[in-house]
Amino acid sequence: MPTLEEKNRATRLKWVLAGVHMLEKGLRYEANRKQESDKAKAVKDSIPEPLLKEMPRSMPGGRSDQ
């Protein structure tokens, strides 16, 4: 039968592993988000400037007030 100390150690290990798993998920999410952002920027950069000015603001990659 495991002692209280062994149970505590096992519980701490489970929490550490859960934390590592969440950190990994967060890093993967950020990497995917950056990749999608880079793709969107590449598409926007491929559209000629005169055409961009004609696009409504509501469209992705449309003109902005900047």
PDB file of N, CA and C in Angstrom:
ATOM      1  N   MET A   1       0.850  -1.187   0.000  1.00  0.00           N
ATOM      2  CA  MET A   1       0.000   0.000   0.000  1.00  0.00           C
ATOM      3  C   MET A   1       0.889   1.241   0.000  1.00  0.00           C
ATOM      4  N   PRO A   2       0.623   2.174  -0.939  1.00  0.00           N
ATOM      5  CA  PRO A   2       1.477   3.365  -1.021  1.00  0.00           C
ATOM      6  C   PRO A   2       1.301   4.271   0.201  1.00  0.00           C
ATOM      7  N   THR A   3       2.391   4.860   0.574  1.00  0.00           N
ATOM      8  CA  THR A   3       2.338   5.784   1.709  1.00  0.00           C
ATOM      9  C   THR A   3       1.781   7.129   1.235  1.00  0.00           C
ATOM     10  N   LEU A   4       1.466   7.985   2.192  1.00  0.00           N
ATOM     11  CA  LEU A   4       0.933   9.312   1.867  1.00  0.00           C
ATOM     12  C   LEU A   4       1.945  10.109   1.042  1.00  0.00           C
ATOM     13  N   GLU A   5       3.215   9.969   1.366  1.00  0.00           N
ATOM     14  CA  GLU A   5       4.255  10.687   0.617  1.00  0.00           C
ATOM     15  C   GLU A   5       4.311  10.229  -0.839  1.00  0.00           C
ATOM     16  N   GLU A   6       4.184   8.916  -1.066  1.00  0.00           N
ATOM     17  CA  GLU A   6       4.192   8.393  -2.436  1.00  0.00           C
ATOM     18  C   GLU A   6       2.964   8.883  -3.215  1.00  0.00           C
ATOM     19  N   LYS A   7       1.813   8.927  -2.531  1.00  0.00           N
ATOM     20  CA  LYS A   7       0.597   9.422  -3.187  1.00  0.00           C
ATOM     21  C   LYS A   7       0.760  10.896  -3.562  1.00  0.00           C
ATOM     22  N   ASN A   8       1.333  11.687  -2.657  1.00  0.00           N
ATOM     23  CA  ASN A   8       1.556  13.111  -2.927  1.00  0.00           C
ATOM     24  C   ASN A   8       2.507  13.298  -4.103  1.00  0.00           C
ATOM     25  N   ARG A   9       3.559  12.484  -4.135  1.00  0.00           N
ATOM     26  CA  ARG A   9       4.527  12.567  -5.226  1.00  0.00           C
ATOM     27  C   ARG A   9       3.849  12.224  -6.553  1.00  0.00           C
ATOM     28  N   ALA A  10       3.019  11.196  -6.562  1.00  0.00           N
ATOM     29  CA  ALA A  10       2.317  10.801  -7.787  1.00  0.00           C
ATOM     30  C   ALA A  10       1.356  11.913  -8.231  1.00  0.00           C
ATOM     31  N   THR A  11       0.680  12.530  -7.280  1.00  0.00           N
ATOM     32  CA  THR A  11      -0.240  13.619  -7.613  1.00  0.00           C
ATOM     33  C   THR A  11       0.517  14.804  -8.197  1.00  0.00           C
ATOM     34  N   ARG A  12       1.632  15.169  -7.588  1.00  0.00           N
ATOM     35  CA  ARG A  12       2.436  16.276  -8.117  1.00  0.00           C
ATOM     36  C   ARG A  12       2.932  15.971  -9.520  1.00  0.00           C
ATOM     37  N   LEU A  13       3.342  14.736  -9.757  1.00  0.00           N
ATOM     38  CA  LEU A  13       3.813  14.337 -11.081  1.00  0.00           C
ATOM     39  C   LEU A  13       2.686  14.457 -12.109  1.00  0.00           C
ATOM     40  N   LYS A  14       1.478  14.040 -11.734  1.00  0.00           N
ATOM     41  CA  LYS A  14       0.341  14.167 -12.653  1.00  0.00           C
ATOM     42  C   LYS A  14       0.095  15.635 -13.002  1.00  0.00           C
ATOM     43  N   TRP A  15       0.174  16.523 -12.010  1.00  0.00           N
ATOM     44  CA  TRP A  15      -0.056  17.952 -12.261  1.00  0.00           C
ATOM     45  C   TRP A  15       1.042  18.542 -13.141  1.00  0.00           C
ATOM     46  N   VAL A  16       2.271  18.121 -12.919  1.00  0.00           N
ATOM     47  CA  VAL A  16       3.381  18.610 -13.749  1.00  0.00           C
ATOM     48  C   VAL A  16       3.195  18.152 -15.194  1.00  0.00           C
ATOM     49  N   LEU A  17       2.827  16.893 -15.371  1.00  0.00           N
ATOM     50  CA  LEU A  17       2.609  16.380 -16.726  1.00  0.00           C
ATOM     51  C   LEU A  17       1.437  17.087 -17.399  1.00  0.00           C
ATOM     52  N   ALA A  18       0.395  17.375 -16.640  1.00  0.00           N
ATOM     53  CA  ALA A  18      -0.744  18.113 -17.199  1.00  0.00           C
ATOM     54  C   ALA A  18      -0.309  19.520 -17.606  1.00  0.00           C
ATOM     55  N   GLY A  19       0.531  20.148 -16.794  1.00  0.00           N
ATOM     56  CA  GLY A  19       1.032  21.485 -17.115  1.00  0.00           C
ATOM     57  C   GLY A  19       1.888  21.478 -18.370  1.00  0.00           C
ATOM     58  N   VAL A  20       2.735  20.489 -18.507  1.00  0.00           N
ATOM     59  CA  VAL A  20       3.580  20.368 -19.701  1.00  0.00           C
ATOM     60  C   VAL A  20       2.708  20.164 -20.930  1.00  0.00           C
ATOM     61  N   HIS A  21       1.669  19.348 -20.782  1.00  0.00           N
ATOM     62  CA  HIS A  21       0.760  19.095 -21.895  1.00  0.00           C
ATOM     63  C   HIS A  21       0.054  20.394 -22.321  1.00  0.00           C
ATOM     64  N   MET A  22      -0.415  21.178 -21.364  1.00  0.00           N
ATOM     65  CA  MET A  22      -1.093  22.434 -21.686  1.00  0.00           C
ATOM     66  C   MET A  22      -0.123  23.428 -22.328  1.00  0.00           C
ATOM     67  N   LEU A  23       1.089  23.473 -21.855  1.00  0.00           N
ATOM     68  CA  LEU A  23       2.102  24.349 -22.442  1.00  0.00           C
ATOM     69  C   LEU A  23       2.364  23.952 -23.894  1.00  0.00           C
ATOM     70  N   GLU A  24       2.471  22.665 -24.134  1.00  0.00           N
ATOM     71  CA  GLU A  24       2.689  22.166 -25.497  1.00  0.00           C
ATOM     72  C   GLU A  24       1.513  22.548 -26.406  1.00  0.00           C
ATOM     73  N   LYS A  25       0.291  22.394 -25.905  1.00  0.00           N
ATOM     74  CA  LYS A  25      -0.888  22.765 -26.691  1.00  0.00           C
ATOM     75  C   LYS A  25      -0.877  24.266 -27.000  1.00  0.00           C
ATOM     76  N   GLY A  26      -0.497  25.067 -26.018  1.00  0.00           N
ATOM     77  CA  GLY A  26      -0.443  26.509 -26.228  1.00  0.00           C
ATOM     78  C   GLY A  26       0.594  26.894 -27.270  1.00  0.00           C
ATOM     79  N   LEU A  27       1.744  26.279 -27.215  1.00  0.00           N
ATOM     80  CA  LEU A  27       2.797  26.571 -28.197  1.00  0.00           C
ATOM     81  C   LEU A  27       2.369  26.147 -29.593  1.00  0.00           C
ATOM     82  N   ARG A  28       1.708  25.003 -29.689  1.00  0.00           N
ATOM     83  CA  ARG A  28       1.230  24.524 -30.982  1.00  0.00           C
ATOM     84  C   ARG A  28       0.167  25.483 -31.535  1.00  0.00           C
ATOM     85  N   TYR A  29      -0.716  25.970 -30.664  1.00  0.00           N
ATOM     86  CA  TYR A  29      -1.754  26.918 -31.080  1.00  0.00           C
ATOM     87  C   TYR A  29      -1.124  28.204 -31.614  1.00  0.00           C
ATOM     88  N   GLU A  30      -0.145  28.736 -30.893  1.00  0.00           N
ATOM     89  CA  GLU A  30       0.517  29.970 -31.320  1.00  0.00           C
ATOM     90  C   GLU A  30       1.236  29.778 -32.651  1.00  0.00           C
ATOM     91  N   ALA A  31       1.885  28.633 -32.828  1.00  0.00           N
ATOM     92  CA  ALA A  31       2.594  28.371 -34.088  1.00  0.00           C
ATOM     93  C   ALA A  31       1.604  28.299 -35.251  1.00  0.00           C
ATOM     94  N   ASN A  32       0.463  27.640 -35.033  1.00  0.00           N
ATOM     95  CA  ASN A  32      -0.542  27.546 -36.093  1.00  0.00           C
ATOM     96  C   ASN A  32      -1.129  28.913 -36.404  1.00  0.00           C
ATOM     97  N   ARG A  33      -1.353  29.716 -35.366  1.00  0.00           N
ATOM     98  CA  ARG A  33      -1.910  31.050 -35.574  1.00  0.00           C
ATOM     99  C   ARG A  33      -0.953  31.921 -36.371  1.00  0.00           C
ATOM    100  N   LYS A  34       0.328  31.842 -36.073  1.00  0.00           N
ATOM    101  CA  LYS A  34       1.324  32.626 -36.811  1.00  0.00           C
ATOM    102  C   LYS A  34       1.397  32.157 -38.258  1.00  0.00           C
ATOM    103  N   GLN A  35       1.327  30.855 -38.463  1.00  0.00           N
ATOM    104  CA  GLN A  35       1.377  30.310 -39.823  1.00  0.00           C
ATOM    105  C   GLN A  35       0.174  30.807 -40.632  1.00  0.00           C
ATOM    106  N   GLU A  36      -1.013  30.817 -40.030  1.00  0.00           N
ATOM    107  CA  GLU A  36      -2.203  31.311 -40.727  1.00  0.00           C
ATOM    108  C   GLU A  36      -2.064  32.803 -41.027  1.00  0.00           C
ATOM    109  N   SER A  37      -1.501  33.552 -40.095  1.00  0.00           N
ATOM    110  CA  SER A  37      -1.293  34.988 -40.292  1.00  0.00           C
ATOM    111  C   SER A  37      -0.323  35.228 -41.445  1.00  0.00           C
ATOM    112  N   ASP A  38       0.736  34.436 -41.503  1.00  0.00           N
ATOM    113  CA  ASP A  38       1.714  34.570 -42.589  1.00  0.00           C
ATOM    114  C   ASP A  38       1.084  34.247 -43.943  1.00  0.00           C
ATOM    115  N   LYS A  39       0.202  33.233 -43.961  1.00  0.00           N
ATOM    116  CA  LYS A  39      -0.485  32.878 -45.207  1.00  0.00           C
ATOM    117  C   LYS A  39      -1.372  34.032 -45.665  1.00  0.00           C
ATOM    118  N   ALA A  40      -2.121  34.618 -44.718  1.00  0.00           N
ATOM    119  CA  ALA A  40      -3.021  35.719 -45.056  1.00  0.00           C
ATOM    120  C   ALA A  40      -2.228  36.913 -45.568  1.00  0.00           C
ATOM    121  N   LYS A  41      -1.087  37.189 -44.966  1.00  0.00           N
ATOM    122  CA  LYS A  41      -0.253  38.313 -45.400  1.00  0.00           C
ATOM    123  C   LYS A  41       0.289  38.058 -46.813  1.00  0.00           C
ATOM    124  N   ALA A  42       0.668  36.815 -47.089  1.00  0.00           N
ATOM    125  CA  ALA A  42       1.182  36.476 -48.422  1.00  0.00           C
ATOM    126  C   ALA A  42       0.094  36.671 -49.481  1.00  0.00           C
ATOM    127  N   VAL A  43      -1.138  36.293 -49.139  1.00  0.00           N
ATOM    128  CA  VAL A  43      -2.241  36.474 -50.082  1.00  0.00           C
ATOM    129  C   VAL A  43      -2.489  37.956 -50.310  1.00  0.00           C
ATOM    130  N   LYS A  44      -2.510  38.717 -49.223  1.00  0.00           N
ATOM    131  CA  LYS A  44      -2.745  40.156 -49.337  1.00  0.00           C
ATOM    132  C   LYS A  44      -1.636  40.823 -50.160  1.00  0.00           C
ATOM    133  N   ASP A  45      -0.397  40.405 -49.935  1.00  0.00           N
ATOM    134  CA  ASP A  45       0.733  40.980 -50.671  1.00  0.00           C
ATOM    135  C   ASP A  45       0.687  40.619 -52.159  1.00  0.00           C
ATOM    136  N   SER A  46      -0.020  39.540 -52.498  1.00  0.00           N
ATOM    137  CA  SER A  46      -0.086  39.131 -53.903  1.00  0.00           C
ATOM    138  C   SER A  46      -1.160  39.903 -54.683  1.00  0.00           C
ATOM    139  N   ILE A  47      -2.013  40.668 -53.962  1.00  0.00           N
ATOM    140  CA  ILE A  47      -3.064  41.442 -54.633  1.00  0.00           C
ATOM    141  C   ILE A  47      -2.478  42.805 -55.013  1.00  0.00           C
ATOM    142  N   PRO A  48      -2.628  43.224 -56.263  1.00  0.00           N
ATOM    143  CA  PRO A  48      -2.083  44.514 -56.695  1.00  0.00           C
ATOM    144  C   PRO A  48      -2.697  45.680 -55.892  1.00  0.00           C
ATOM    145  N   GLU A  49      -1.895  46.704 -55.635  1.00  0.00           N
ATOM    146  CA  GLU A  49      -2.312  47.844 -54.818  1.00  0.00           C
ATOM    147  C   GLU A  49      -3.579  48.540 -55.339  1.00  0.00           C
ATOM    148  N   PRO A  50      -3.719  48.819 -56.641  1.00  0.00           N
ATOM    149  CA  PRO A  50      -4.946  49.486 -57.112  1.00  0.00           C
ATOM    150  C   PRO A  50      -6.202  48.672 -56.810  1.00  0.00           C
ATOM    151  N   LEU A  51      -6.093  47.376 -56.920  1.00  0.00           N
ATOM    152  CA  LEU A  51      -7.235  46.517 -56.633  1.00  0.00           C
ATOM    153  C   LEU A  51      -7.559  46.530 -55.137  1.00  0.00           C
ATOM    154  N   LEU A  52      -6.523  46.581 -54.310  1.00  0.00           N
ATOM    155  CA  LEU A  52      -6.736  46.640 -52.868  1.00  0.00           C
ATOM    156  C   LEU A  52      -7.528  47.880 -52.484  1.00  0.00           C
ATOM    157  N   LYS A  53      -7.245  49.006 -53.125  1.00  0.00           N
ATOM    158  CA  LYS A  53      -7.926  50.253 -52.799  1.00  0.00           C
ATOM    159  C   LYS A  53      -9.404  50.194 -53.167  1.00  0.00           C
ATOM    160  N   GLU A  54      -9.755  49.371 -54.146  1.00  0.00           N
ATOM    161  CA  GLU A  54     -11.145  49.244 -54.558  1.00  0.00           C
ATOM    162  C   GLU A  54     -11.933  48.293 -53.663  1.00  0.00           C
ATOM    163  N   MET A  55     -11.232  47.456 -52.904  1.00  0.00           N
ATOM    164  CA  MET A  55     -11.915  46.468 -52.078  1.00  0.00           C
ATOM    165  C   MET A  55     -12.585  47.153 -50.890  1.00  0.00           C
ATOM    166  N   PRO A  56     -13.809  46.739 -50.550  1.00  0.00           N
ATOM    167  CA  PRO A  56     -14.465  47.317 -49.375  1.00  0.00           C
ATOM    168  C   PRO A  56     -13.708  46.960 -48.099  1.00  0.00           C
ATOM    169  N   ARG A  57     -13.876  47.768 -47.080  1.00  0.00           N
ATOM    170  CA  ARG A  57     -13.180  47.529 -45.810  1.00  0.00           C
ATOM    171  C   ARG A  57     -13.595  46.217 -45.168  1.00  0.00           C
ATOM    172  N   SER A  58     -14.801  45.777 -45.427  1.00  0.00           N
ATOM    173  CA  SER A  58     -15.305  44.568 -44.781  1.00  0.00           C
ATOM    174  C   SER A  58     -14.655  43.298 -45.326  1.00  0.00           C
ATOM    175  N   MET A  59     -14.026  43.386 -46.489  1.00  0.00           N
ATOM    176  CA  MET A  59     -13.393  42.196 -47.058  1.00  0.00           C
ATOM    177  C   MET A  59     -12.024  41.961 -46.434  1.00  0.00           C
ATOM    178  N   PRO A  60     -11.664  40.699 -46.225  1.00  0.00           N
ATOM    179  CA  PRO A  60     -10.318  40.411 -45.715  1.00  0.00           C
ATOM    180  C   PRO A  60      -9.267  40.965 -46.677  1.00  0.00           C
ATOM    181  N   GLY A  61      -8.324  41.679 -46.145  1.00  0.00           N
ATOM    182  CA  GLY A  61      -7.267  42.252 -46.974  1.00  0.00           C
ATOM    183  C   GLY A  61      -7.684  43.562 -47.615  1.00  0.00           C
ATOM    184  N   GLY A  62      -8.884  44.034 -47.297  1.00  0.00           N
ATOM    185  CA  GLY A  62      -9.367  45.289 -47.859  1.00  0.00           C
ATOM    186  C   GLY A  62      -8.623  46.479 -47.298  1.00  0.00           C
ATOM    187  N   ARG A  63      -8.936  47.636 -47.821  1.00  0.00           N
ATOM    188  CA  ARG A  63      -8.232  48.850 -47.393  1.00  0.00           C
ATOM    189  C   ARG A  63      -8.518  49.137 -45.926  1.00  0.00           C
ATOM    190  N   SER A  64      -7.616  49.861 -45.321  1.00  0.00           N
ATOM    191  CA  SER A  64      -7.794  50.238 -43.915  1.00  0.00           C
ATOM    192  C   SER A  64      -7.550  51.733 -43.781  1.00  0.00           C
ATOM    193  N   ASP A  65      -7.837  52.261 -42.604  1.00  0.00           N
ATOM    194  CA  ASP A  65      -7.679  53.699 -42.368  1.00  0.00           C
ATOM    195  C   ASP A  65      -6.264  54.074 -41.965  1.00  0.00           C
ATOM    196  N   GLN A  66      -5.356  53.173 -42.078  1.00  0.00           N
ATOM    197  CA  GLN A  66      -3.988  53.449 -41.629  1.00  0.00           C
ATOM    198  C   GLN A  66      -3.259  54.332 -42.598  1.00  0.00           C
TER     199      GLN A  66
END
